[in-house]
Amino acid sequence: TSQAFRQTRAFTTTVLGNLLAFWNRERVGVEL
């Protein structure tokens, strides 16, 4: 369903909000 995948307002505002919170970053450890 191609039209279900597009840039939306919710997608963009969430990305912008997460980017602006630059002090709140985590490293997620994945054990090999």
PDB file of all heavy atoms in Angstrom:
ATOM      1  N   THR A   1       0.859  -1.183   0.000  1.00  0.00           N
ATOM      2  CA  THR A   1       0.000   0.000   0.000  1.00  0.00           C
ATOM      3  C   THR A   1       0.891   1.227   0.000  1.00  0.00           C
ATOM      4  O   THR A   1       1.266   1.760   1.048  1.00  0.00           O
ATOM      5  CB  THR A   1      -0.931  -0.001   1.230  1.00  0.00           C
ATOM      6  OG1 THR A   1      -1.595  -1.257   1.320  1.00  0.00           O
ATOM      7  CG2 THR A   1      -1.972   1.105   1.111  1.00  0.00           C
ATOM      8  N   SER A   2       1.238   1.682  -1.195  1.00  0.00           N
ATOM      9  CA  SER A   2       2.254   2.736  -1.317  1.00  0.00           C
ATOM     10  C   SER A   2       1.845   4.042  -0.651  1.00  0.00           C
ATOM     11  O   SER A   2       2.678   4.721  -0.031  1.00  0.00           O
ATOM     12  CB  SER A   2       2.568   2.976  -2.800  1.00  0.00           C
ATOM     13  OG  SER A   2       3.128   1.824  -3.375  1.00  0.00           O
ATOM     14  N   GLN A   3       0.560   4.418  -0.751  1.00  0.00           N
ATOM     15  CA  GLN A   3       0.171   5.717  -0.217  1.00  0.00           C
ATOM     16  C   GLN A   3       0.179   5.765   1.303  1.00  0.00           C
ATOM     17  O   GLN A   3       0.076   6.839   1.896  1.00  0.00           O
ATOM     18  CB  GLN A   3      -1.211   6.103  -0.750  1.00  0.00           C
ATOM     19  CG  GLN A   3      -2.351   5.176  -0.360  1.00  0.00           C
ATOM     20  CD  GLN A   3      -3.670   5.655  -0.926  1.00  0.00           C
ATOM     21  OE1 GLN A   3      -4.059   6.814  -0.740  1.00  0.00           O
ATOM     22  NE2 GLN A   3      -4.366   4.787  -1.637  1.00  0.00           N
ATOM     23  N   ALA A   4       0.328   4.620   1.960  1.00  0.00           N
ATOM     24  CA  ALA A   4       0.435   4.604   3.421  1.00  0.00           C
ATOM     25  C   ALA A   4       1.820   5.021   3.891  1.00  0.00           C
ATOM     26  O   ALA A   4       2.028   5.209   5.092  1.00  0.00           O
ATOM     27  CB  ALA A   4       0.102   3.209   3.947  1.00  0.00           C
ATOM     28  N   PHE A   5       2.763   5.150   2.952  1.00  0.00           N
ATOM     29  CA  PHE A   5       4.142   5.483   3.317  1.00  0.00           C
ATOM     30  C   PHE A   5       4.532   6.784   2.619  1.00  0.00           C
ATOM     31  O   PHE A   5       4.805   6.813   1.418  1.00  0.00           O
ATOM     32  CB  PHE A   5       5.074   4.341   2.918  1.00  0.00           C
ATOM     33  CG  PHE A   5       4.766   3.060   3.636  1.00  0.00           C
ATOM     34  CD1 PHE A   5       3.894   2.138   3.086  1.00  0.00           C
ATOM     35  CD2 PHE A   5       5.320   2.795   4.876  1.00  0.00           C
ATOM     36  CE1 PHE A   5       3.581   0.962   3.748  1.00  0.00           C
ATOM     37  CE2 PHE A   5       5.014   1.633   5.552  1.00  0.00           C
ATOM     38  CZ  PHE A   5       4.144   0.710   4.988  1.00  0.00           C
ATOM     39  N   ARG A   6       4.545   7.848   3.400  1.00  0.00           N
ATOM     40  CA  ARG A   6       4.904   9.173   2.880  1.00  0.00           C
ATOM     41  C   ARG A   6       5.330  10.045   4.061  1.00  0.00           C
ATOM     42  O   ARG A   6       5.112   9.697   5.224  1.00  0.00           O
ATOM     43  CB  ARG A   6       3.726   9.815   2.151  1.00  0.00           C
ATOM     44  CG  ARG A   6       2.493   9.988   3.052  1.00  0.00           C
ATOM     45  CD  ARG A   6       1.462  10.893   2.432  1.00  0.00           C
ATOM     46  NE  ARG A   6       0.752  10.237   1.347  1.00  0.00           N
ATOM     47  CZ  ARG A   6      -0.203  10.837   0.636  1.00  0.00           C
ATOM     48  NH1 ARG A   6      -0.514  12.104   0.884  1.00  0.00           N
ATOM     49  NH2 ARG A   6      -0.824  10.198  -0.320  1.00  0.00           N
ATOM     50  N   GLN A   7       5.914  11.187   3.744  1.00  0.00           N
ATOM     51  CA  GLN A   7       6.311  12.105   4.807  1.00  0.00           C
ATOM     52  C   GLN A   7       5.076  12.810   5.334  1.00  0.00           C
ATOM     53  O   GLN A   7       4.371  13.497   4.592  1.00  0.00           O
ATOM     54  CB  GLN A   7       7.328  13.124   4.297  1.00  0.00           C
ATOM     55  CG  GLN A   7       7.872  14.008   5.404  1.00  0.00           C
ATOM     56  CD  GLN A   7       9.116  14.765   4.981  1.00  0.00           C
ATOM     57  OE1 GLN A   7       9.551  14.663   3.849  1.00  0.00           O
ATOM     58  NE2 GLN A   7       9.695  15.523   5.906  1.00  0.00           N
ATOM     59  N   THR A   8       4.815  12.652   6.615  1.00  0.00           N
ATOM     60  CA  THR A   8       3.635  13.243   7.241  1.00  0.00           C
ATOM     61  C   THR A   8       4.044  14.288   8.276  1.00  0.00           C
ATOM     62  O   THR A   8       5.209  14.405   8.649  1.00  0.00           O
ATOM     63  CB  THR A   8       2.796  12.158   7.935  1.00  0.00           C
ATOM     64  OG1 THR A   8       3.572  11.589   9.004  1.00  0.00           O
ATOM     65  CG2 THR A   8       2.389  11.065   6.956  1.00  0.00           C
ATOM     66  N   ARG A   9       3.045  15.022   8.747  1.00  0.00           N
ATOM     67  CA  ARG A   9       3.303  16.027   9.769  1.00  0.00           C
ATOM     68  C   ARG A   9       3.768  15.363  11.068  1.00  0.00           C
ATOM     69  O   ARG A   9       4.707  15.838  11.717  1.00  0.00           O
ATOM     70  CB  ARG A   9       2.032  16.834  10.018  1.00  0.00           C
ATOM     71  CG  ARG A   9       2.245  18.165  10.708  1.00  0.00           C
ATOM     72  CD  ARG A   9       0.919  18.886  10.871  1.00  0.00           C
ATOM     73  NE  ARG A   9       0.222  18.971   9.596  1.00  0.00           N
ATOM     74  CZ  ARG A   9      -1.104  19.069   9.484  1.00  0.00           C
ATOM     75  NH1 ARG A   9      -1.864  19.079  10.568  1.00  0.00           N
ATOM     76  NH2 ARG A   9      -1.663  19.160   8.292  1.00  0.00           N
ATOM     77  N   ALA A  10       3.138  14.253  11.421  1.00  0.00           N
ATOM     78  CA  ALA A  10       3.523  13.551  12.643  1.00  0.00           C
ATOM     79  C   ALA A  10       4.951  13.026  12.555  1.00  0.00           C
ATOM     80  O   ALA A  10       5.722  13.126  13.507  1.00  0.00           O
ATOM     81  CB  ALA A  10       2.549  12.398  12.910  1.00  0.00           C
ATOM     82  N   PHE A  11       5.307  12.452  11.398  1.00  0.00           N
ATOM     83  CA  PHE A  11       6.662  11.946  11.189  1.00  0.00           C
ATOM     84  C   PHE A  11       7.681  13.082  11.340  1.00  0.00           C
ATOM     85  O   PHE A  11       8.671  12.968  12.069  1.00  0.00           O
ATOM     86  CB  PHE A  11       6.755  11.322   9.798  1.00  0.00           C
ATOM     87  CG  PHE A  11       8.138  10.893   9.387  1.00  0.00           C
ATOM     88  CD1 PHE A  11       8.608   9.614   9.665  1.00  0.00           C
ATOM     89  CD2 PHE A  11       8.977  11.755   8.684  1.00  0.00           C
ATOM     90  CE1 PHE A  11       9.874   9.214   9.294  1.00  0.00           C
ATOM     91  CE2 PHE A  11      10.251  11.368   8.296  1.00  0.00           C
ATOM     92  CZ  PHE A  11      10.700  10.080   8.601  1.00  0.00           C
ATOM     93  N   THR A  12       7.433  14.189  10.657  1.00  0.00           N
ATOM     94  CA  THR A  12       8.403  15.285  10.624  1.00  0.00           C
ATOM     95  C   THR A  12       8.549  15.969  11.978  1.00  0.00           C
ATOM     96  O   THR A  12       9.664  16.268  12.419  1.00  0.00           O
ATOM     97  CB  THR A  12       7.988  16.309   9.550  1.00  0.00           C
ATOM     98  OG1 THR A  12       7.795  15.630   8.305  1.00  0.00           O
ATOM     99  CG2 THR A  12       9.044  17.374   9.381  1.00  0.00           C
ATOM    100  N   THR A  13       7.439  16.225  12.654  1.00  0.00           N
ATOM    101  CA  THR A  13       7.533  16.888  13.953  1.00  0.00           C
ATOM    102  C   THR A  13       8.213  15.990  14.985  1.00  0.00           C
ATOM    103  O   THR A  13       8.951  16.484  15.857  1.00  0.00           O
ATOM    104  CB  THR A  13       6.140  17.306  14.462  1.00  0.00           C
ATOM    105  OG1 THR A  13       5.270  16.159  14.472  1.00  0.00           O
ATOM    106  CG2 THR A  13       5.546  18.387  13.574  1.00  0.00           C
ATOM    107  N   THR A  14       7.989  14.682  14.891  1.00  0.00           N
ATOM    108  CA  THR A  14       8.654  13.762  15.823  1.00  0.00           C
ATOM    109  C   THR A  14      10.159  13.743  15.573  1.00  0.00           C
ATOM    110  O   THR A  14      10.967  13.795  16.518  1.00  0.00           O
ATOM    111  CB  THR A  14       8.080  12.347  15.681  1.00  0.00           C
ATOM    112  OG1 THR A  14       6.674  12.384  15.926  1.00  0.00           O
ATOM    113  CG2 THR A  14       8.733  11.393  16.676  1.00  0.00           C
ATOM    114  N   VAL A  15      10.552  13.691  14.302  1.00  0.00           N
ATOM    115  CA  VAL A  15      11.980  13.709  13.967  1.00  0.00           C
ATOM    116  C   VAL A  15      12.614  15.018  14.441  1.00  0.00           C
ATOM    117  O   VAL A  15      13.694  15.013  15.062  1.00  0.00           O
ATOM    118  CB  VAL A  15      12.191  13.519  12.455  1.00  0.00           C
ATOM    119  CG1 VAL A  15      13.639  13.798  12.063  1.00  0.00           C
ATOM    120  CG2 VAL A  15      11.809  12.103  12.039  1.00  0.00           C
ATOM    121  N   LEU A  16      11.962  16.144  14.168  1.00  0.00           N
ATOM    122  CA  LEU A  16      12.509  17.439  14.578  1.00  0.00           C
ATOM    123  C   LEU A  16      12.633  17.525  16.094  1.00  0.00           C
ATOM    124  O   LEU A  16      13.643  18.005  16.630  1.00  0.00           O
ATOM    125  CB  LEU A  16      11.627  18.573  14.054  1.00  0.00           C
ATOM    126  CG  LEU A  16      11.694  18.839  12.540  1.00  0.00           C
ATOM    127  CD1 LEU A  16      10.662  19.879  12.146  1.00  0.00           C
ATOM    128  CD2 LEU A  16      13.090  19.294  12.133  1.00  0.00           C
ATOM    129  N   GLY A  17      11.612  17.050  16.805  1.00  0.00           N
ATOM    130  CA  GLY A  17      11.661  17.083  18.254  1.00  0.00           C
ATOM    131  C   GLY A  17      12.784  16.229  18.813  1.00  0.00           C
ATOM    132  O   GLY A  17      13.499  16.651  19.734  1.00  0.00           O
ATOM    133  N   ASN A  18      12.969  15.045  18.249  1.00  0.00           N
ATOM    134  CA  ASN A  18      14.053  14.176  18.716  1.00  0.00           C
ATOM    135  C   ASN A  18      15.422  14.761  18.383  1.00  0.00           C
ATOM    136  O   ASN A  18      16.370  14.637  19.172  1.00  0.00           O
ATOM    137  CB  ASN A  18      13.909  12.785  18.104  1.00  0.00           C
ATOM    138  CG  ASN A  18      12.742  12.009  18.709  1.00  0.00           C
ATOM    139  OD1 ASN A  18      12.065  12.490  19.617  1.00  0.00           O
ATOM    140  ND2 ASN A  18      12.507  10.809  18.210  1.00  0.00           N
ATOM    141  N   LEU A  19      15.538  15.404  17.213  1.00  0.00           N
ATOM    142  CA  LEU A  19      16.808  16.021  16.839  1.00  0.00           C
ATOM    143  C   LEU A  19      17.148  17.203  17.745  1.00  0.00           C
ATOM    144  O   LEU A  19      18.305  17.388  18.140  1.00  0.00           O
ATOM    145  CB  LEU A  19      16.741  16.492  15.383  1.00  0.00           C
ATOM    146  CG  LEU A  19      16.921  15.437  14.293  1.00  0.00           C
ATOM    147  CD1 LEU A  19      16.639  16.041  12.931  1.00  0.00           C
ATOM    148  CD2 LEU A  19      18.344  14.867  14.326  1.00  0.00           C
ATOM    149  N   LEU A  20      16.150  18.009  18.071  1.00  0.00           N
ATOM    150  CA  LEU A  20      16.392  19.195  18.893  1.00  0.00           C
ATOM    151  C   LEU A  20      16.800  18.820  20.316  1.00  0.00           C
ATOM    152  O   LEU A  20      17.508  19.587  20.977  1.00  0.00           O
ATOM    153  CB  LEU A  20      15.152  20.082  18.903  1.00  0.00           C
ATOM    154  CG  LEU A  20      14.862  20.813  17.580  1.00  0.00           C
ATOM    155  CD1 LEU A  20      13.520  21.511  17.638  1.00  0.00           C
ATOM    156  CD2 LEU A  20      15.969  21.798  17.244  1.00  0.00           C
ATOM    157  N   ALA A  21      16.367  17.654  20.766  1.00  0.00           N
ATOM    158  CA  ALA A  21      16.764  17.201  22.106  1.00  0.00           C
ATOM    159  C   ALA A  21      18.146  16.555  22.040  1.00  0.00           C
ATOM    160  O   ALA A  21      18.346  15.406  22.436  1.00  0.00           O
ATOM    161  CB  ALA A  21      15.722  16.223  22.645  1.00  0.00           C
ATOM    162  N   PHE A  22      19.126  17.319  21.552  1.00  0.00           N
ATOM    163  CA  PHE A  22      20.461  16.773  21.274  1.00  0.00           C
ATOM    164  C   PHE A  22      21.185  16.335  22.538  1.00  0.00           C
ATOM    165  O   PHE A  22      22.097  15.514  22.480  1.00  0.00           O
ATOM    166  CB  PHE A  22      21.301  17.815  20.526  1.00  0.00           C
ATOM    167  CG  PHE A  22      21.468  19.113  21.265  1.00  0.00           C
ATOM    168  CD1 PHE A  22      22.488  19.277  22.191  1.00  0.00           C
ATOM    169  CD2 PHE A  22      20.596  20.159  21.037  1.00  0.00           C
ATOM    170  CE1 PHE A  22      22.629  20.474  22.877  1.00  0.00           C
ATOM    171  CE2 PHE A  22      20.738  21.358  21.728  1.00  0.00           C
ATOM    172  CZ  PHE A  22      21.753  21.518  22.659  1.00  0.00           C
ATOM    173  N   TRP A  23      20.791  16.858  23.679  1.00  0.00           N
ATOM    174  CA  TRP A  23      21.437  16.485  24.939  1.00  0.00           C
ATOM    175  C   TRP A  23      20.962  15.115  25.447  1.00  0.00           C
ATOM    176  O   TRP A  23      21.533  14.556  26.368  1.00  0.00           O
ATOM    177  CB  TRP A  23      21.126  17.537  25.999  1.00  0.00           C
ATOM    178  CG  TRP A  23      19.653  17.625  26.297  1.00  0.00           C
ATOM    179  CD1 TRP A  23      18.950  16.907  27.245  1.00  0.00           C
ATOM    180  CD2 TRP A  23      18.697  18.440  25.630  1.00  0.00           C
ATOM    181  NE1 TRP A  23      17.619  17.224  27.198  1.00  0.00           N
ATOM    182  CE2 TRP A  23      17.435  18.175  26.218  1.00  0.00           C
ATOM    183  CE3 TRP A  23      18.788  19.379  24.588  1.00  0.00           C
ATOM    184  CZ2 TRP A  23      16.267  18.813  25.792  1.00  0.00           C
ATOM    185  CZ3 TRP A  23      17.626  20.000  24.166  1.00  0.00           C
ATOM    186  CH2 TRP A  23      16.388  19.722  24.765  1.00  0.00           C
ATOM    187  N   ASN A  24      19.926  14.579  24.821  1.00  0.00           N
ATOM    188  CA  ASN A  24      19.289  13.363  25.322  1.00  0.00           C
ATOM    189  C   ASN A  24      19.535  12.215  24.351  1.00  0.00           C
ATOM    190  O   ASN A  24      18.613  11.697  23.730  1.00  0.00           O
ATOM    191  CB  ASN A  24      17.789  13.616  25.513  1.00  0.00           C
ATOM    192  CG  ASN A  24      17.132  12.537  26.338  1.00  0.00           C
ATOM    193  OD1 ASN A  24      17.808  11.741  26.979  1.00  0.00           O
ATOM    194  ND2 ASN A  24      15.816  12.491  26.317  1.00  0.00           N
ATOM    195  N   ARG A  25      20.794  11.852  24.190  1.00  0.00           N
ATOM    196  CA  ARG A  25      21.174  10.785  23.262  1.00  0.00           C
ATOM    197  C   ARG A  25      21.670   9.571  24.038  1.00  0.00           C
ATOM    198  O   ARG A  25      22.271   9.712  25.101  1.00  0.00           O
ATOM    199  CB  ARG A  25      22.282  11.254  22.306  1.00  0.00           C
ATOM    200  CG  ARG A  25      21.873  12.365  21.364  1.00  0.00           C
ATOM    201  CD  ARG A  25      20.979  11.828  20.234  1.00  0.00           C
ATOM    202  NE  ARG A  25      20.676  12.890  19.282  1.00  0.00           N
ATOM    203  CZ  ARG A  25      19.637  13.709  19.381  1.00  0.00           C
ATOM    204  NH1 ARG A  25      18.802  13.592  20.393  1.00  0.00           N
ATOM    205  NH2 ARG A  25      19.422  14.645  18.485  1.00  0.00           N
ATOM    206  N   GLU A  26      21.412   8.387  23.487  1.00  0.00           N
ATOM    207  CA  GLU A  26      21.832   7.157  24.137  1.00  0.00           C
ATOM    208  C   GLU A  26      22.600   6.266  23.168  1.00  0.00           C
ATOM    209  O   GLU A  26      22.307   6.239  21.971  1.00  0.00           O
ATOM    210  CB  GLU A  26      20.620   6.386  24.666  1.00  0.00           C
ATOM    211  CG  GLU A  26      19.889   7.081  25.783  1.00  0.00           C
ATOM    212  CD  GLU A  26      18.776   6.211  26.333  1.00  0.00           C
ATOM    213  OE1 GLU A  26      17.917   5.783  25.545  1.00  0.00           O
ATOM    214  OE2 GLU A  26      18.764   5.969  27.549  1.00  0.00           O
ATOM    215  N   ARG A  27      23.561   5.552  23.719  1.00  0.00           N
ATOM    216  CA  ARG A  27      24.222   4.478  22.982  1.00  0.00           C
ATOM    217  C   ARG A  27      23.607   3.161  23.444  1.00  0.00           C
ATOM    218  O   ARG A  27      23.601   2.856  24.630  1.00  0.00           O
ATOM    219  CB  ARG A  27      25.726   4.475  23.233  1.00  0.00           C
ATOM    220  CG  ARG A  27      26.461   5.695  22.700  1.00  0.00           C
ATOM    221  CD  ARG A  27      27.946   5.436  22.584  1.00  0.00           C
ATOM    222  NE  ARG A  27      28.504   4.863  23.818  1.00  0.00           N
ATOM    223  CZ  ARG A  27      29.652   4.195  23.879  1.00  0.00           C
ATOM    224  NH1 ARG A  27      30.353   4.014  22.771  1.00  0.00           N
ATOM    225  NH2 ARG A  27      30.107   3.742  25.016  1.00  0.00           N
ATOM    226  N   VAL A  28      23.076   2.419  22.501  1.00  0.00           N
ATOM    227  CA  VAL A  28      22.401   1.165  22.814  1.00  0.00           C
ATOM    228  C   VAL A  28      23.365   0.019  22.533  1.00  0.00           C
ATOM    229  O   VAL A  28      23.770  -0.207  21.386  1.00  0.00           O
ATOM    230  CB  VAL A  28      21.118   1.011  21.966  1.00  0.00           C
ATOM    231  CG1 VAL A  28      20.444  -0.318  22.263  1.00  0.00           C
ATOM    232  CG2 VAL A  28      20.174   2.170  22.234  1.00  0.00           C
ATOM    233  N   GLY A  29      23.764  -0.689  23.556  1.00  0.00           N
ATOM    234  CA  GLY A  29      24.737  -1.757  23.398  1.00  0.00           C
ATOM    235  C   GLY A  29      24.114  -3.030  22.835  1.00  0.00           C
ATOM    236  O   GLY A  29      23.120  -3.522  23.366  1.00  0.00           O
ATOM    237  N   VAL A  30      24.687  -3.549  21.770  1.00  0.00           N
ATOM    238  CA  VAL A  30      24.251  -4.817  21.169  1.00  0.00           C
ATOM    239  C   VAL A  30      25.413  -5.793  21.264  1.00  0.00           C
ATOM    240  O   VAL A  30      26.446  -5.605  20.618  1.00  0.00           O
ATOM    241  CB  VAL A  30      23.822  -4.634  19.702  1.00  0.00           C
ATOM    242  CG1 VAL A  30      23.372  -5.965  19.107  1.00  0.00           C
ATOM    243  CG2 VAL A  30      22.704  -3.599  19.601  1.00  0.00           C
ATOM    244  N   GLU A  31      25.243  -6.814  22.062  1.00  0.00           N
ATOM    245  CA  GLU A  31      26.329  -7.772  22.256  1.00  0.00           C
ATOM    246  C   GLU A  31      26.410  -8.746  21.091  1.00  0.00           C
ATOM    247  O   GLU A  31      25.405  -9.350  20.694  1.00  0.00           O
ATOM    248  CB  GLU A  31      26.129  -8.550  23.556  1.00  0.00           C
ATOM    249  CG  GLU A  31      27.284  -9.488  23.861  1.00  0.00           C
ATOM    250  CD  GLU A  31      27.137 -10.198  25.189  1.00  0.00           C
ATOM    251  OE1 GLU A  31      26.075 -10.033  25.838  1.00  0.00           O
ATOM    252  OE2 GLU A  31      28.075 -10.920  25.574  1.00  0.00           O
ATOM    253  N   LEU A  32      27.600  -8.885  20.525  1.00  0.00           N
ATOM    254  CA  LEU A  32      27.831  -9.833  19.434  1.00  0.00           C
ATOM    255  C   LEU A  32      28.209 -11.183  20.026  1.00  0.00           C
ATOM    256  O   LEU A  32      29.101 -11.275  20.867  1.00  0.00           O
ATOM    257  CB  LEU A  32      28.947  -9.330  18.522  1.00  0.00           C
ATOM    258  CG  LEU A  32      28.738  -7.963  17.867  1.00  0.00           C
ATOM    259  CD1 LEU A  32      29.952  -7.602  17.019  1.00  0.00           C
ATOM    260  CD2 LEU A  32      27.467  -7.937  17.029  1.00  0.00           C
TER     261      LEU A  32
END
